[in-house]
Amino acid sequence: MKTPELVLVPALVGLPAAQAHEVAMAARVVAVDPDPDTPPTVEGTVTAQQPGPGTRVPAGEAVTIWVEPDSGGGGGGGGGNMPRVEPDKPLDGAGAN
């Protein structure tokens, strides 16, 4: 029986998800989400991975990545149950009405 070729798992934490998939493929591993029934996450930032960087695995092995959605400029959501406060009139330069 042939011994599988081992490759190094790259460091994916901190990368944008789309870039993490590209880096993984270049290293001959496959970045996958923890839930195999969902399509690959390509937006957000990788916050964790398993196995860790520098681990030797067989070529083609899956590397699970956890992705946190980016919080920049998407609008919508947030605020919880805080009321929205609208000023009656604009404030002057000193911050007073």
PDB file of N, CA and C in Angstrom:
ATOM      1  N   MET A   1       0.847  -1.195   0.000  1.00  0.00           N
ATOM      2  CA  MET A   1       0.000   0.000   0.000  1.00  0.00           C
ATOM      3  C   MET A   1       0.883   1.244   0.000  1.00  0.00           C
ATOM      4  N   LYS A   2       0.487   2.209  -0.798  1.00  0.00           N
ATOM      5  CA  LYS A   2       1.251   3.433  -0.959  1.00  0.00           C
ATOM      6  C   LYS A   2       0.993   4.392   0.204  1.00  0.00           C
ATOM      7  N   THR A   3       2.049   4.986   0.743  1.00  0.00           N
ATOM      8  CA  THR A   3       1.923   5.971   1.819  1.00  0.00           C
ATOM      9  C   THR A   3       1.467   7.295   1.213  1.00  0.00           C
ATOM     10  N   PRO A   4       0.413   7.933   1.790  1.00  0.00           N
ATOM     11  CA  PRO A   4      -0.061   9.202   1.222  1.00  0.00           C
ATOM     12  C   PRO A   4       0.982  10.306   1.405  1.00  0.00           C
ATOM     13  N   GLU A   5       1.022  11.197   0.433  1.00  0.00           N
ATOM     14  CA  GLU A   5       1.921  12.347   0.525  1.00  0.00           C
ATOM     15  C   GLU A   5       1.399  13.296   1.594  1.00  0.00           C
ATOM     16  N   LEU A   6       2.283  13.728   2.485  1.00  0.00           N
ATOM     17  CA  LEU A   6       1.891  14.661   3.543  1.00  0.00           C
ATOM     18  C   LEU A   6       2.227  16.086   3.128  1.00  0.00           C
ATOM     19  N   VAL A   7       1.317  17.008   3.446  1.00  0.00           N
ATOM     20  CA  VAL A   7       1.513  18.429   3.172  1.00  0.00           C
ATOM     21  C   VAL A   7       1.322  19.210   4.463  1.00  0.00           C
ATOM     22  N   LEU A   8       1.834  20.424   4.502  1.00  0.00           N
ATOM     23  CA  LEU A   8       1.685  21.280   5.687  1.00  0.00           C
ATOM     24  C   LEU A   8       0.388  22.076   5.611  1.00  0.00           C
ATOM     25  N   VAL A   9      -0.340  22.113   6.725  1.00  0.00           N
ATOM     26  CA  VAL A   9      -1.545  22.935   6.820  1.00  0.00           C
ATOM     27  C   VAL A   9      -1.101  24.396   6.952  1.00  0.00           C
ATOM     28  N   PRO A  10      -1.630  25.289   6.098  1.00  0.00           N
ATOM     29  CA  PRO A  10      -1.253  26.701   6.190  1.00  0.00           C
ATOM     30  C   PRO A  10      -1.984  27.407   7.328  1.00  0.00           C
ATOM     31  N   ALA A  11      -1.488  28.574   7.710  1.00  0.00           N
ATOM     32  CA  ALA A  11      -2.154  29.421   8.703  1.00  0.00           C
ATOM     33  C   ALA A  11      -3.285  30.164   7.995  1.00  0.00           C
ATOM     34  N   LEU A  12      -4.518  29.903   8.412  1.00  0.00           N
ATOM     35  CA  LEU A  12      -5.679  30.520   7.785  1.00  0.00           C
ATOM     36  C   LEU A  12      -6.371  31.542   8.685  1.00  0.00           C
ATOM     37  N   VAL A  13      -6.128  31.488   9.994  1.00  0.00           N
ATOM     38  CA  VAL A  13      -6.768  32.403  10.943  1.00  0.00           C
ATOM     39  C   VAL A  13      -6.347  33.833  10.626  1.00  0.00           C
ATOM     40  N   GLY A  14      -7.344  34.719  10.579  1.00  0.00           N
ATOM     41  CA  GLY A  14      -7.093  36.135  10.302  1.00  0.00           C
ATOM     42  C   GLY A  14      -7.269  36.492   8.838  1.00  0.00           C
ATOM     43  N   LEU A  15      -7.364  35.482   7.971  1.00  0.00           N
ATOM     44  CA  LEU A  15      -7.549  35.758   6.550  1.00  0.00           C
ATOM     45  C   LEU A  15      -9.022  35.938   6.222  1.00  0.00           C
ATOM     46  N   PRO A  16      -9.324  36.728   5.182  1.00  0.00           N
ATOM     47  CA  PRO A  16     -10.691  36.736   4.677  1.00  0.00           C
ATOM     48  C   PRO A  16     -11.038  35.322   4.214  1.00  0.00           C
ATOM     49  N   ALA A  17     -12.270  34.902   4.395  1.00  0.00           N
ATOM     50  CA  ALA A  17     -12.664  33.526   4.094  1.00  0.00           C
ATOM     51  C   ALA A  17     -12.336  33.125   2.661  1.00  0.00           C
ATOM     52  N   ALA A  18     -12.637  33.983   1.698  1.00  0.00           N
ATOM     53  CA  ALA A  18     -12.371  33.653   0.294  1.00  0.00           C
ATOM     54  C   ALA A  18     -10.878  33.409   0.072  1.00  0.00           C
ATOM     55  N   GLN A  19     -10.035  34.232   0.673  1.00  0.00           N
ATOM     56  CA  GLN A  19      -8.595  34.061   0.540  1.00  0.00           C
ATOM     57  C   GLN A  19      -8.138  32.786   1.239  1.00  0.00           C
ATOM     58  N   ALA A  20      -8.742  32.452   2.377  1.00  0.00           N
ATOM     59  CA  ALA A  20      -8.387  31.232   3.099  1.00  0.00           C
ATOM     60  C   ALA A  20      -8.623  30.001   2.231  1.00  0.00           C
ATOM     61  N   HIS A  21      -9.727  29.996   1.474  1.00  0.00           N
ATOM     62  CA  HIS A  21     -10.000  28.874   0.571  1.00  0.00           C
ATOM     63  C   HIS A  21      -8.914  28.767  -0.496  1.00  0.00           C
ATOM     64  N   GLU A  22      -8.476  29.905  -1.032  1.00  0.00           N
ATOM     65  CA  GLU A  22      -7.432  29.912  -2.055  1.00  0.00           C
ATOM     66  C   GLU A  22      -6.099  29.439  -1.487  1.00  0.00           C
ATOM     67  N   VAL A  23      -5.732  29.925  -0.307  1.00  0.00           N
ATOM     68  CA  VAL A  23      -4.473  29.538   0.332  1.00  0.00           C
ATOM     69  C   VAL A  23      -4.487  28.043   0.643  1.00  0.00           C
ATOM     70  N   ALA A  24      -5.619  27.555   1.132  1.00  0.00           N
ATOM     71  CA  ALA A  24      -5.732  26.125   1.432  1.00  0.00           C
ATOM     72  C   ALA A  24      -5.525  25.290   0.169  1.00  0.00           C
ATOM     73  N   MET A  25      -6.194  25.677  -0.917  1.00  0.00           N
ATOM     74  CA  MET A  25      -6.055  24.928  -2.166  1.00  0.00           C
ATOM     75  C   MET A  25      -4.607  24.942  -2.663  1.00  0.00           C
ATOM     76  N   ALA A  26      -3.946  26.096  -2.547  1.00  0.00           N
ATOM     77  CA  ALA A  26      -2.553  26.185  -2.979  1.00  0.00           C
ATOM     78  C   ALA A  26      -1.658  25.260  -2.150  1.00  0.00           C
ATOM     79  N   ALA A  27      -2.050  25.026  -0.892  1.00  0.00           N
ATOM     80  CA  ALA A  27      -1.287  24.139  -0.009  1.00  0.00           C
ATOM     81  C   ALA A  27      -1.726  22.678  -0.152  1.00  0.00           C
ATOM     82  N   ARG A  28      -2.700  22.444  -1.056  1.00  0.00           N
ATOM     83  CA  ARG A  28      -3.205  21.101  -1.358  1.00  0.00           C
ATOM     84  C   ARG A  28      -4.032  20.491  -0.231  1.00  0.00           C
ATOM     85  N   VAL A  29      -4.779  21.370   0.489  1.00  0.00           N
ATOM     86  CA  VAL A  29      -5.789  20.940   1.455  1.00  0.00           C
ATOM     87  C   VAL A  29      -7.075  21.681   1.096  1.00  0.00           C
ATOM     88  N   VAL A  30      -8.178  21.294   1.720  1.00  0.00           N
ATOM     89  CA  VAL A  30      -9.470  21.904   1.405  1.00  0.00           C
ATOM     90  C   VAL A  30     -10.051  22.532   2.670  1.00  0.00           C
ATOM     91  N   ALA A  31     -10.312  23.838   2.628  1.00  0.00           N
ATOM     92  CA  ALA A  31     -10.951  24.526   3.756  1.00  0.00           C
ATOM     93  C   ALA A  31     -12.444  24.239   3.699  1.00  0.00           C
ATOM     94  N   VAL A  32     -13.009  23.767   4.818  1.00  0.00           N
ATOM     95  CA  VAL A  32     -14.431  23.426   4.887  1.00  0.00           C
ATOM     96  C   VAL A  32     -15.055  24.055   6.125  1.00  0.00           C
ATOM     97  N   ASP A  33     -16.369  24.285   6.049  1.00  0.00           N
ATOM     98  CA  ASP A  33     -17.118  24.788   7.198  1.00  0.00           C
ATOM     99  C   ASP A  33     -17.367  23.656   8.189  1.00  0.00           C
ATOM    100  N   PRO A  34     -17.625  23.972   9.458  1.00  0.00           N
ATOM    101  CA  PRO A  34     -17.929  22.932  10.436  1.00  0.00           C
ATOM    102  C   PRO A  34     -19.174  22.131  10.073  1.00  0.00           C
ATOM    103  N   ASP A  35     -20.141  22.761   9.405  1.00  0.00           N
ATOM    104  CA  ASP A  35     -21.361  22.076   8.994  1.00  0.00           C
ATOM    105  C   ASP A  35     -21.213  21.668   7.528  1.00  0.00           C
ATOM    106  N   PRO A  36     -21.048  20.380   7.256  1.00  0.00           N
ATOM    107  CA  PRO A  36     -20.824  19.947   5.875  1.00  0.00           C
ATOM    108  C   PRO A  36     -22.041  20.133   4.971  1.00  0.00           C
ATOM    109  N   ASP A  37     -23.209  20.417   5.543  1.00  0.00           N
ATOM    110  CA  ASP A  37     -24.421  20.587   4.749  1.00  0.00           C
ATOM    111  C   ASP A  37     -24.617  22.013   4.242  1.00  0.00           C
ATOM    112  N   THR A  38     -23.693  22.914   4.582  1.00  0.00           N
ATOM    113  CA  THR A  38     -23.810  24.294   4.122  1.00  0.00           C
ATOM    114  C   THR A  38     -22.761  24.567   3.051  1.00  0.00           C
ATOM    115  N   PRO A  39     -23.045  25.505   2.139  1.00  0.00           N
ATOM    116  CA  PRO A  39     -22.025  25.858   1.145  1.00  0.00           C
ATOM    117  C   PRO A  39     -20.846  26.542   1.829  1.00  0.00           C
ATOM    118  N   PRO A  40     -19.677  26.531   1.203  1.00  0.00           N
ATOM    119  CA  PRO A  40     -18.505  27.163   1.815  1.00  0.00           C
ATOM    120  C   PRO A  40     -18.751  28.648   2.104  1.00  0.00           C
ATOM    121  N   THR A  41     -18.334  29.074   3.271  1.00  0.00           N
ATOM    122  CA  THR A  41     -18.441  30.489   3.633  1.00  0.00           C
ATOM    123  C   THR A  41     -17.321  31.243   2.937  1.00  0.00           C
ATOM    124  N   VAL A  42     -17.676  32.293   2.193  1.00  0.00           N
ATOM    125  CA  VAL A  42     -16.662  33.055   1.469  1.00  0.00           C
ATOM    126  C   VAL A  42     -16.612  34.513   1.897  1.00  0.00           C
ATOM    127  N   GLU A  43     -17.469  34.894   2.853  1.00  0.00           N
ATOM    128  CA  GLU A  43     -17.439  36.259   3.370  1.00  0.00           C
ATOM    129  C   GLU A  43     -17.222  36.218   4.867  1.00  0.00           C
ATOM    130  N   GLY A  44     -16.372  37.109   5.366  1.00  0.00           N
ATOM    131  CA  GLY A  44     -16.040  37.145   6.783  1.00  0.00           C
ATOM    132  C   GLY A  44     -14.574  36.825   6.967  1.00  0.00           C
ATOM    133  N   THR A  45     -14.168  36.703   8.223  1.00  0.00           N
ATOM    134  CA  THR A  45     -12.771  36.465   8.573  1.00  0.00           C
ATOM    135  C   THR A  45     -12.648  35.164   9.337  1.00  0.00           C
ATOM    136  N   VAL A  46     -11.645  34.388   8.997  1.00  0.00           N
ATOM    137  CA  VAL A  46     -11.406  33.115   9.677  1.00  0.00           C
ATOM    138  C   VAL A  46     -10.929  33.396  11.100  1.00  0.00           C
ATOM    139  N   THR A  47     -11.614  32.803  12.088  1.00  0.00           N
ATOM    140  CA  THR A  47     -11.263  33.027  13.492  1.00  0.00           C
ATOM    141  C   THR A  47     -10.625  31.799  14.139  1.00  0.00           C
ATOM    142  N   ALA A  48     -10.788  30.627  13.531  1.00  0.00           N
ATOM    143  CA  ALA A  48     -10.188  29.408  14.076  1.00  0.00           C
ATOM    144  C   ALA A  48     -10.088  28.377  12.965  1.00  0.00           C
ATOM    145  N   GLN A  49      -9.198  27.408  13.172  1.00  0.00           N
ATOM    146  CA  GLN A  49      -9.048  26.324  12.210  1.00  0.00           C
ATOM    147  C   GLN A  49      -8.626  25.063  12.934  1.00  0.00           C
ATOM    148  N   GLN A  50      -8.950  23.913  12.310  1.00  0.00           N
ATOM    149  CA  GLN A  50      -8.562  22.622  12.868  1.00  0.00           C
ATOM    150  C   GLN A  50      -8.314  21.670  11.706  1.00  0.00           C
ATOM    151  N   PRO A  51      -7.177  21.055  11.553  1.00  0.00           N
ATOM    152  CA  PRO A  51      -6.000  21.126  12.411  1.00  0.00           C
ATOM    153  C   PRO A  51      -5.266  22.462  12.272  1.00  0.00           C
ATOM    154  N   GLY A  52      -4.398  22.717  13.225  1.00  0.00           N
ATOM    155  CA  GLY A  52      -3.665  23.979  13.276  1.00  0.00           C
ATOM    156  C   GLY A  52      -2.585  24.084  12.219  1.00  0.00           C
ATOM    157  N   PRO A  53      -2.103  25.311  12.008  1.00  0.00           N
ATOM    158  CA  PRO A  53      -1.053  25.530  11.019  1.00  0.00           C
ATOM    159  C   PRO A  53       0.219  24.756  11.373  1.00  0.00           C
ATOM    160  N   GLY A  54       0.878  24.274  10.329  1.00  0.00           N
ATOM    161  CA  GLY A  54       2.123  23.534  10.522  1.00  0.00           C
ATOM    162  C   GLY A  54       1.929  22.041  10.725  1.00  0.00           C
ATOM    163  N   THR A  55       0.675  21.601  10.884  1.00  0.00           N
ATOM    164  CA  THR A  55       0.386  20.178  11.027  1.00  0.00           C
ATOM    165  C   THR A  55       0.562  19.505   9.670  1.00  0.00           C
ATOM    166  N   ARG A  56       1.120  18.313   9.658  1.00  0.00           N
ATOM    167  CA  ARG A  56       1.257  17.551   8.412  1.00  0.00           C
ATOM    168  C   ARG A  56       0.056  16.635   8.271  1.00  0.00           C
ATOM    169  N   VAL A  57      -0.611  16.740   7.112  1.00  0.00           N
ATOM    170  CA  VAL A  57      -1.800  15.929   6.821  1.00  0.00           C
ATOM    171  C   VAL A  57      -1.663  15.377   5.406  1.00  0.00           C
ATOM    172  N   PRO A  58      -2.419  14.325   5.082  1.00  0.00           N
ATOM    173  CA  PRO A  58      -2.407  13.840   3.703  1.00  0.00           C
ATOM    174  C   PRO A  58      -2.931  14.906   2.741  1.00  0.00           C
ATOM    175  N   ALA A  59      -2.339  14.995   1.557  1.00  0.00           N
ATOM    176  CA  ALA A  59      -2.811  15.936   0.537  1.00  0.00           C
ATOM    177  C   ALA A  59      -4.294  15.693   0.292  1.00  0.00           C
ATOM    178  N   GLY A  60      -5.048  16.789   0.161  1.00  0.00           N
ATOM    179  CA  GLY A  60      -6.484  16.694  -0.074  1.00  0.00           C
ATOM    180  C   GLY A  60      -7.320  16.644   1.189  1.00  0.00           C
ATOM    181  N   GLU A  61      -6.670  16.610   2.342  1.00  0.00           N
ATOM    182  CA  GLU A  61      -7.367  16.545   3.635  1.00  0.00           C
ATOM    183  C   GLU A  61      -8.178  17.819   3.874  1.00  0.00           C
ATOM    184  N   ALA A  62      -9.285  17.688   4.614  1.00  0.00           N
ATOM    185  CA  ALA A  62     -10.119  18.835   4.966  1.00  0.00           C
ATOM    186  C   ALA A  62      -9.531  19.564   6.177  1.00  0.00           C
ATOM    187  N   VAL A  63      -9.556  20.884   6.124  1.00  0.00           N
ATOM    188  CA  VAL A  63      -9.197  21.739   7.251  1.00  0.00           C
ATOM    189  C   VAL A  63     -10.457  22.523   7.592  1.00  0.00           C
ATOM    190  N   THR A  64     -10.993  22.314   8.786  1.00  0.00           N
ATOM    191  CA  THR A  64     -12.220  23.009   9.198  1.00  0.00           C
ATOM    192  C   THR A  64     -11.873  24.429   9.594  1.00  0.00           C
ATOM    193  N   ILE A  65     -12.641  25.389   9.053  1.00  0.00           N
ATOM    194  CA  ILE A  65     -12.446  26.797   9.426  1.00  0.00           C
ATOM    195  C   ILE A  65     -13.748  27.346  10.004  1.00  0.00           C
ATOM    196  N   TRP A  66     -13.611  28.211  10.993  1.00  0.00           N
ATOM    197  CA  TRP A  66     -14.741  28.932  11.585  1.00  0.00           C
ATOM    198  C   TRP A  66     -14.613  30.373  11.136  1.00  0.00           C
ATOM    199  N   VAL A  67     -15.702  30.943  10.629  1.00  0.00           N
ATOM    200  CA  VAL A  67     -15.675  32.276  10.038  1.00  0.00           C
ATOM    201  C   VAL A  67     -16.631  33.191  10.789  1.00  0.00           C
ATOM    202  N   GLU A  68     -16.140  34.363  11.141  1.00  0.00           N
ATOM    203  CA  GLU A  68     -16.949  35.399  11.786  1.00  0.00           C
ATOM    204  C   GLU A  68     -17.342  36.412  10.712  1.00  0.00           C
ATOM    205  N   PRO A  69     -18.638  36.716  10.586  1.00  0.00           N
ATOM    206  CA  PRO A  69     -19.048  37.699   9.572  1.00  0.00           C
ATOM    207  C   PRO A  69     -18.370  39.039   9.810  1.00  0.00           C
ATOM    208  N   ASP A  70     -18.041  39.716   8.719  1.00  0.00           N
ATOM    209  CA  ASP A  70     -17.455  41.053   8.839  1.00  0.00           C
ATOM    210  C   ASP A  70     -18.504  42.009   9.350  1.00  0.00           C
ATOM    211  N   SER A  71     -18.093  42.956  10.195  1.00  0.00           N
ATOM    212  CA  SER A  71     -19.037  43.898  10.777  1.00  0.00           C
ATOM    213  C   SER A  71     -19.027  45.232  10.064  1.00  0.00           C
ATOM    214  N   GLY A  72     -18.248  45.361   9.010  1.00  0.00           N
ATOM    215  CA  GLY A  72     -18.124  46.655   8.358  1.00  0.00           C
ATOM    216  C   GLY A  72     -19.224  46.995   7.391  1.00  0.00           C
ATOM    217  N   GLY A  73     -19.976  48.040   7.682  1.00  0.00           N
ATOM    218  CA  GLY A  73     -20.857  48.695   6.750  1.00  0.00           C
ATOM    219  C   GLY A  73     -22.008  47.924   6.149  1.00  0.00           C
ATOM    220  N   GLY A  74     -22.444  46.855   6.702  1.00  0.00           N
ATOM    221  CA  GLY A  74     -23.534  46.110   6.106  1.00  0.00           C
ATOM    222  C   GLY A  74     -24.890  46.706   6.365  1.00  0.00           C
ATOM    223  N   GLY A  75     -25.017  47.483   7.414  1.00  0.00           N
ATOM    224  CA  GLY A  75     -26.301  48.061   7.767  1.00  0.00           C
ATOM    225  C   GLY A  75     -27.250  47.006   8.273  1.00  0.00           C
ATOM    226  N   GLY A  76     -28.371  47.439   8.769  1.00  0.00           N
ATOM    227  CA  GLY A  76     -29.377  46.500   9.251  1.00  0.00           C
ATOM    228  C   GLY A  76     -28.974  45.851  10.545  1.00  0.00           C
ATOM    229  N   GLY A  77     -29.966  45.338  11.251  1.00  0.00           N
ATOM    230  CA  GLY A  77     -29.720  44.608  12.489  1.00  0.00           C
ATOM    231  C   GLY A  77     -29.085  45.457  13.562  1.00  0.00           C
ATOM    232  N   GLY A  78     -28.698  44.813  14.620  1.00  0.00           N
ATOM    233  CA  GLY A  78     -28.010  45.502  15.699  1.00  0.00           C
ATOM    234  C   GLY A  78     -28.948  46.326  16.553  1.00  0.00           C
ATOM    235  N   GLY A  79     -28.420  46.794  17.647  1.00  0.00           N
ATOM    236  CA  GLY A  79     -29.191  47.682  18.501  1.00  0.00           C
ATOM    237  C   GLY A  79     -30.010  46.979  19.562  1.00  0.00           C
ATOM    238  N   GLY A  80     -30.258  45.705  19.391  1.00  0.00           N
ATOM    239  CA  GLY A  80     -31.025  44.977  20.386  1.00  0.00           C
ATOM    240  C   GLY A  80     -32.351  45.648  20.667  1.00  0.00           C
ATOM    241  N   ASN A  81     -32.627  45.868  21.945  1.00  0.00           N
ATOM    242  CA  ASN A  81     -33.898  46.488  22.301  1.00  0.00           C
ATOM    243  C   ASN A  81     -33.728  47.958  22.685  1.00  0.00           C
ATOM    244  N   MET A  82     -32.668  48.583  22.245  1.00  0.00           N
ATOM    245  CA  MET A  82     -32.438  49.992  22.544  1.00  0.00           C
ATOM    246  C   MET A  82     -33.326  50.857  21.662  1.00  0.00           C
ATOM    247  N   PRO A  83     -33.979  51.860  22.239  1.00  0.00           N
ATOM    248  CA  PRO A  83     -34.834  52.731  21.415  1.00  0.00           C
ATOM    249  C   PRO A  83     -33.990  53.624  20.519  1.00  0.00           C
ATOM    250  N   ARG A  84     -34.532  53.931  19.363  1.00  0.00           N
ATOM    251  CA  ARG A  84     -33.856  54.844  18.457  1.00  0.00           C
ATOM    252  C   ARG A  84     -34.187  56.265  18.895  1.00  0.00           C
ATOM    253  N   VAL A  85     -33.166  57.092  19.063  1.00  0.00           N
ATOM    254  CA  VAL A  85     -33.365  58.463  19.529  1.00  0.00           C
ATOM    255  C   VAL A  85     -33.112  59.409  18.370  1.00  0.00           C
ATOM    256  N   GLU A  86     -34.104  60.205  18.036  1.00  0.00           N
ATOM    257  CA  GLU A  86     -33.984  61.195  16.969  1.00  0.00           C
ATOM    258  C   GLU A  86     -33.968  62.585  17.609  1.00  0.00           C
ATOM    259  N   PRO A  87     -32.951  63.389  17.347  1.00  0.00           N
ATOM    260  CA  PRO A  87     -32.948  64.741  17.915  1.00  0.00           C
ATOM    261  C   PRO A  87     -34.038  65.594  17.275  1.00  0.00           C
ATOM    262  N   ASP A  88     -34.603  66.517  18.074  1.00  0.00           N
ATOM    263  CA  ASP A  88     -35.643  67.413  17.568  1.00  0.00           C
ATOM    264  C   ASP A  88     -35.062  68.437  16.603  1.00  0.00           C
ATOM    265  N   LYS A  89     -33.863  68.902  16.893  1.00  0.00           N
ATOM    266  CA  LYS A  89     -33.196  69.856  16.024  1.00  0.00           C
ATOM    267  C   LYS A  89     -31.706  69.590  16.066  1.00  0.00           C
ATOM    268  N   PRO A  90     -30.981  70.018  15.058  1.00  0.00           N
ATOM    269  CA  PRO A  90     -29.526  69.758  15.040  1.00  0.00           C
ATOM    270  C   PRO A  90     -28.836  70.453  16.190  1.00  0.00           C
ATOM    271  N   LEU A  91     -27.751  69.847  16.625  1.00  0.00           N
ATOM    272  CA  LEU A  91     -26.956  70.434  17.691  1.00  0.00           C
ATOM    273  C   LEU A  91     -26.039  71.495  17.125  1.00  0.00           C
ATOM    274  N   ASP A  92     -25.695  72.515  17.940  1.00  0.00           N
ATOM    275  CA  ASP A  92     -24.740  73.518  17.480  1.00  0.00           C
ATOM    276  C   ASP A  92     -23.316  72.969  17.633  1.00  0.00           C
ATOM    277  N   GLY A  93     -22.344  73.716  17.265  1.00  0.00           N
ATOM    278  CA  GLY A  93     -20.946  73.273  17.294  1.00  0.00           C
ATOM    279  C   GLY A  93     -20.476  72.849  18.670  1.00  0.00           C
ATOM    280  N   ALA A  94     -21.092  73.377  19.730  1.00  0.00           N
ATOM    281  CA  ALA A  94     -20.687  73.037  21.087  1.00  0.00           C
ATOM    282  C   ALA A  94     -21.422  71.804  21.600  1.00  0.00           C
ATOM    283  N   GLY A  95     -22.283  71.231  20.789  1.00  0.00           N
ATOM    284  CA  GLY A  95     -23.027  70.047  21.216  1.00  0.00           C
ATOM    285  C   GLY A  95     -24.302  70.352  21.959  1.00  0.00           C
ATOM    286  N   ALA A  96     -24.733  71.627  21.907  1.00  0.00           N
ATOM    287  CA  ALA A  96     -25.974  72.001  22.591  1.00  0.00           C
ATOM    288  C   ALA A  96     -27.030  72.370  21.538  1.00  0.00           C
ATOM    289  N   ASN A  97     -28.289  72.338  21.964  1.00  0.00           N
ATOM    290  CA  ASN A  97     -29.368  72.742  21.047  1.00  0.00           C
ATOM    291  C   ASN A  97     -29.529  74.211  20.984  1.00  0.00           C
TER     292      ASN A  97
END
